[in-house]
Amino acid sequence: MDPCDYQIAEDSTVEQADDVLRGAHIDYLPVRGHDGRCEGLVTHTSLRPFLPLTDSAERTAVGATAHRQGPFAWPSLSLALAARVMRIRHWAVWLVTDDDDYLLGVLTAARAAGLIAAEPA
């Protein structure tokens, strides 16, 4: 699991999310609710339908987009199982939360594959 340096609130606009994604040169942003809990994940792809409509991007909240929501991974999940789930679901990134859905970090498919490959046979 890697730390996640960037997050965005669910009531932030699509335009704000796009600005963060582009400015930070990242592919995804965890979405956090009003209570600080993890609500899902937003990507360039999930924002794309809203961006050509400038007025829509300025008014539409990230929480109203089709951002990917749970299930979230948990820290005790085995790396092999997490990698298998990510492969089956074609996920490049999976959010890791505690029992109360507060974000702990992210697991990327590349990182999981690298760790599995490094394990002794």
C-alpha atoms as a PDB file:
ATOM      1  CA  MET A   1       0.000   0.000   0.000  1.00  0.00           C
ATOM      2  CA  ASP A   2       1.220   3.479  -0.830  1.00  0.00           C
ATOM      3  CA  PRO A   3       0.184   6.728   0.814  1.00  0.00           C
ATOM      4  CA  CYS A   4      -2.235   8.928  -1.072  1.00  0.00           C
ATOM      5  CA  ASP A   5      -1.109  12.535  -1.136  1.00  0.00           C
ATOM      6  CA  TYR A   6      -4.194  13.950  -2.822  1.00  0.00           C
ATOM      7  CA  GLN A   7      -7.923  13.662  -2.069  1.00  0.00           C
ATOM      8  CA  ILE A   8     -10.968  15.667  -3.033  1.00  0.00           C
ATOM      9  CA  ALA A   9     -14.220  16.369  -1.211  1.00  0.00           C
ATOM     10  CA  GLU A  10     -17.416  15.015  -2.757  1.00  0.00           C
ATOM     11  CA  ASP A  11     -18.895  18.522  -2.947  1.00  0.00           C
ATOM     12  CA  SER A  12     -15.942  19.884  -4.969  1.00  0.00           C
ATOM     13  CA  THR A  13     -16.740  20.558  -8.597  1.00  0.00           C
ATOM     14  CA  VAL A  14     -15.733  18.438 -11.559  1.00  0.00           C
ATOM     15  CA  GLU A  15     -13.656  21.374 -12.772  1.00  0.00           C
ATOM     16  CA  GLN A  16     -11.753  21.484  -9.455  1.00  0.00           C
ATOM     17  CA  ALA A  17     -11.105  17.738  -9.611  1.00  0.00           C
ATOM     18  CA  ASP A  18      -9.831  18.030 -13.169  1.00  0.00           C
ATOM     19  CA  ASP A  19      -7.538  20.886 -12.135  1.00  0.00           C
ATOM     20  CA  VAL A  20      -6.048  18.786  -9.320  1.00  0.00           C
ATOM     21  CA  LEU A  21      -5.595  15.726 -11.554  1.00  0.00           C
ATOM     22  CA  ARG A  22      -3.854  17.771 -14.233  1.00  0.00           C
ATOM     23  CA  GLY A  23      -1.848  19.986 -11.900  1.00  0.00           C
ATOM     24  CA  ALA A  24      -0.545  17.109  -9.791  1.00  0.00           C
ATOM     25  CA  HIS A  25      -0.029  14.850 -12.844  1.00  0.00           C
ATOM     26  CA  ILE A  26      -1.968  12.008 -11.250  1.00  0.00           C
ATOM     27  CA  ASP A  27      -4.478   9.524 -12.671  1.00  0.00           C
ATOM     28  CA  TYR A  28      -6.943   9.257  -9.788  1.00  0.00           C
ATOM     29  CA  LEU A  29      -8.274  11.064  -6.744  1.00  0.00           C
ATOM     30  CA  PRO A  30      -9.934   9.461  -3.746  1.00  0.00           C
ATOM     31  CA  VAL A  31     -13.253  11.149  -2.976  1.00  0.00           C
ATOM     32  CA  ARG A  32     -13.975  11.897   0.667  1.00  0.00           C
ATOM     33  CA  GLY A  33     -17.384  12.586   2.164  1.00  0.00           C
ATOM     34  CA  HIS A  34     -18.418  15.337   4.565  1.00  0.00           C
ATOM     35  CA  ASP A  35     -17.454  13.130   7.492  1.00  0.00           C
ATOM     36  CA  GLY A  36     -13.960  12.430   6.083  1.00  0.00           C
ATOM     37  CA  ARG A  37     -14.763   8.868   5.117  1.00  0.00           C
ATOM     38  CA  CYS A  38     -13.729   7.492   1.760  1.00  0.00           C
ATOM     39  CA  GLU A  39     -16.567   7.633  -0.779  1.00  0.00           C
ATOM     40  CA  GLY A  40     -14.835   6.373  -3.908  1.00  0.00           C
ATOM     41  CA  LEU A  41     -12.409   7.225  -6.649  1.00  0.00           C
ATOM     42  CA  VAL A  42     -12.561   9.715  -9.512  1.00  0.00           C
ATOM     43  CA  THR A  43     -10.404   9.524 -12.652  1.00  0.00           C
ATOM     44  CA  HIS A  44      -9.892  11.493 -15.860  1.00  0.00           C
ATOM     45  CA  THR A  45     -12.141   8.975 -17.604  1.00  0.00           C
ATOM     46  CA  SER A  46     -15.006   9.386 -15.139  1.00  0.00           C
ATOM     47  CA  LEU A  47     -14.840  13.183 -15.450  1.00  0.00           C
ATOM     48  CA  ARG A  48     -14.595  13.250 -19.255  1.00  0.00           C
ATOM     49  CA  PRO A  49     -18.381  13.359 -19.940  1.00  0.00           C
ATOM     50  CA  PHE A  50     -18.719  16.522 -17.824  1.00  0.00           C
ATOM     51  CA  LEU A  51     -15.735  18.502 -19.051  1.00  0.00           C
ATOM     52  CA  PRO A  52     -16.871  19.559 -22.557  1.00  0.00           C
ATOM     53  CA  LEU A  53     -19.851  21.237 -20.914  1.00  0.00           C
ATOM     54  CA  THR A  54     -18.096  24.133 -19.200  1.00  0.00           C
ATOM     55  CA  ASP A  55     -21.165  25.241 -17.227  1.00  0.00           C
ATOM     56  CA  SER A  56     -21.767  21.652 -16.162  1.00  0.00           C
ATOM     57  CA  ALA A  57     -18.159  21.187 -14.990  1.00  0.00           C
ATOM     58  CA  GLU A  58     -18.372  24.367 -12.924  1.00  0.00           C
ATOM     59  CA  ARG A  59     -21.591  23.311 -11.197  1.00  0.00           C
ATOM     60  CA  THR A  60     -21.485  19.511 -11.021  1.00  0.00           C
ATOM     61  CA  ALA A  61     -20.188  18.083  -7.764  1.00  0.00           C
ATOM     62  CA  VAL A  62     -17.756  15.199  -7.902  1.00  0.00           C
ATOM     63  CA  GLY A  63     -20.180  13.233  -5.715  1.00  0.00           C
ATOM     64  CA  ALA A  64     -22.761  13.405  -8.521  1.00  0.00           C
ATOM     65  CA  THR A  65     -20.440  11.765 -11.064  1.00  0.00           C
ATOM     66  CA  ALA A  66     -20.150   8.079 -11.746  1.00  0.00           C
ATOM     67  CA  HIS A  67     -17.048   7.739  -9.595  1.00  0.00           C
ATOM     68  CA  ARG A  68     -16.103   4.223  -8.635  1.00  0.00           C
ATOM     69  CA  GLN A  69     -17.190   3.421  -5.108  1.00  0.00           C
ATOM     70  CA  GLY A  70     -16.435   0.472  -2.810  1.00  0.00           C
ATOM     71  CA  PRO A  71     -15.834  -2.183  -1.974  1.00  0.00           C
ATOM     72  CA  PHE A  72     -12.565  -0.981  -0.565  1.00  0.00           C
ATOM     73  CA  ALA A  73      -9.572  -3.123   0.296  1.00  0.00           C
ATOM     74  CA  TRP A  74      -8.577  -3.514   3.920  1.00  0.00           C
ATOM     75  CA  PRO A  75      -5.052  -3.714   5.346  1.00  0.00           C
ATOM     76  CA  SER A  76      -5.288  -7.372   6.365  1.00  0.00           C
ATOM     77  CA  LEU A  77      -6.251  -8.516   2.847  1.00  0.00           C
ATOM     78  CA  SER A  78      -3.572 -10.765   1.391  1.00  0.00           C
ATOM     79  CA  LEU A  79      -1.556  -9.285  -1.439  1.00  0.00           C
ATOM     80  CA  ALA A  80      -2.233 -12.284  -3.674  1.00  0.00           C
ATOM     81  CA  LEU A  81      -6.006 -11.968  -3.207  1.00  0.00           C
ATOM     82  CA  ALA A  82      -5.916  -8.206  -3.713  1.00  0.00           C
ATOM     83  CA  ALA A  83      -3.918  -8.630  -6.936  1.00  0.00           C
ATOM     84  CA  ARG A  84      -6.370 -11.276  -8.170  1.00  0.00           C
ATOM     85  CA  VAL A  85      -9.411  -9.071  -7.468  1.00  0.00           C
ATOM     86  CA  MET A  86      -7.757  -6.115  -9.213  1.00  0.00           C
ATOM     87  CA  ARG A  87      -6.932  -8.266 -12.235  1.00  0.00           C
ATOM     88  CA  ILE A  88     -10.486  -9.671 -12.476  1.00  0.00           C
ATOM     89  CA  ARG A  89     -12.092  -6.238 -12.129  1.00  0.00           C
ATOM     90  CA  HIS A  90      -9.510  -4.527 -14.368  1.00  0.00           C
ATOM     91  CA  TRP A  91      -8.643  -2.014 -11.643  1.00  0.00           C
ATOM     92  CA  ALA A  92      -5.377  -0.109 -11.843  1.00  0.00           C
ATOM     93  CA  VAL A  93      -5.833   1.221  -8.308  1.00  0.00           C
ATOM     94  CA  TRP A  94      -7.740   0.073  -5.222  1.00  0.00           C
ATOM     95  CA  LEU A  95      -8.384   2.254  -2.194  1.00  0.00           C
ATOM     96  CA  VAL A  96      -7.424   0.784   1.187  1.00  0.00           C
ATOM     97  CA  THR A  97      -9.548   1.851   4.161  1.00  0.00           C
ATOM     98  CA  ASP A  98      -9.846   1.010   7.823  1.00  0.00           C
ATOM     99  CA  ASP A  99     -12.956  -0.596   9.338  1.00  0.00           C
ATOM    100  CA  ASP A 100     -14.678   2.810   9.461  1.00  0.00           C
ATOM    101  CA  ASP A 101     -13.927   3.599   5.765  1.00  0.00           C
ATOM    102  CA  TYR A 102     -11.238   6.192   6.447  1.00  0.00           C
ATOM    103  CA  LEU A 103      -8.614   6.162   3.720  1.00  0.00           C
ATOM    104  CA  LEU A 104      -5.298   4.567   4.675  1.00  0.00           C
ATOM    105  CA  GLY A 105      -3.681   4.473   1.240  1.00  0.00           C
ATOM    106  CA  VAL A 106      -3.869   2.942  -2.204  1.00  0.00           C
ATOM    107  CA  LEU A 107      -2.757  -0.276  -3.815  1.00  0.00           C
ATOM    108  CA  THR A 108      -1.848  -0.062  -7.481  1.00  0.00           C
ATOM    109  CA  ALA A 109      -1.851  -3.058  -9.803  1.00  0.00           C
ATOM    110  CA  ALA A 110       1.750  -2.302 -10.791  1.00  0.00           C
ATOM    111  CA  ARG A 111       2.875  -2.181  -7.162  1.00  0.00           C
ATOM    112  CA  ALA A 112       1.028  -5.403  -6.304  1.00  0.00           C
ATOM    113  CA  ALA A 113       2.528  -7.215  -9.292  1.00  0.00           C
ATOM    114  CA  GLY A 114       6.001  -5.987  -8.395  1.00  0.00           C
ATOM    115  CA  LEU A 115       5.683  -7.146  -4.776  1.00  0.00           C
ATOM    116  CA  ILE A 116       4.360 -10.555  -5.805  1.00  0.00           C
ATOM    117  CA  ALA A 117       7.178 -10.977  -8.316  1.00  0.00           C
ATOM    118  CA  ALA A 118       9.719 -10.108  -5.606  1.00  0.00           C
ATOM    119  CA  GLU A 119       8.389 -12.734  -3.174  1.00  0.00           C
ATOM    120  CA  PRO A 120      10.556 -15.836  -2.821  1.00  0.00           C
ATOM    121  CA  ALA A 121       9.120 -18.861  -4.600  1.00  0.00           C
END
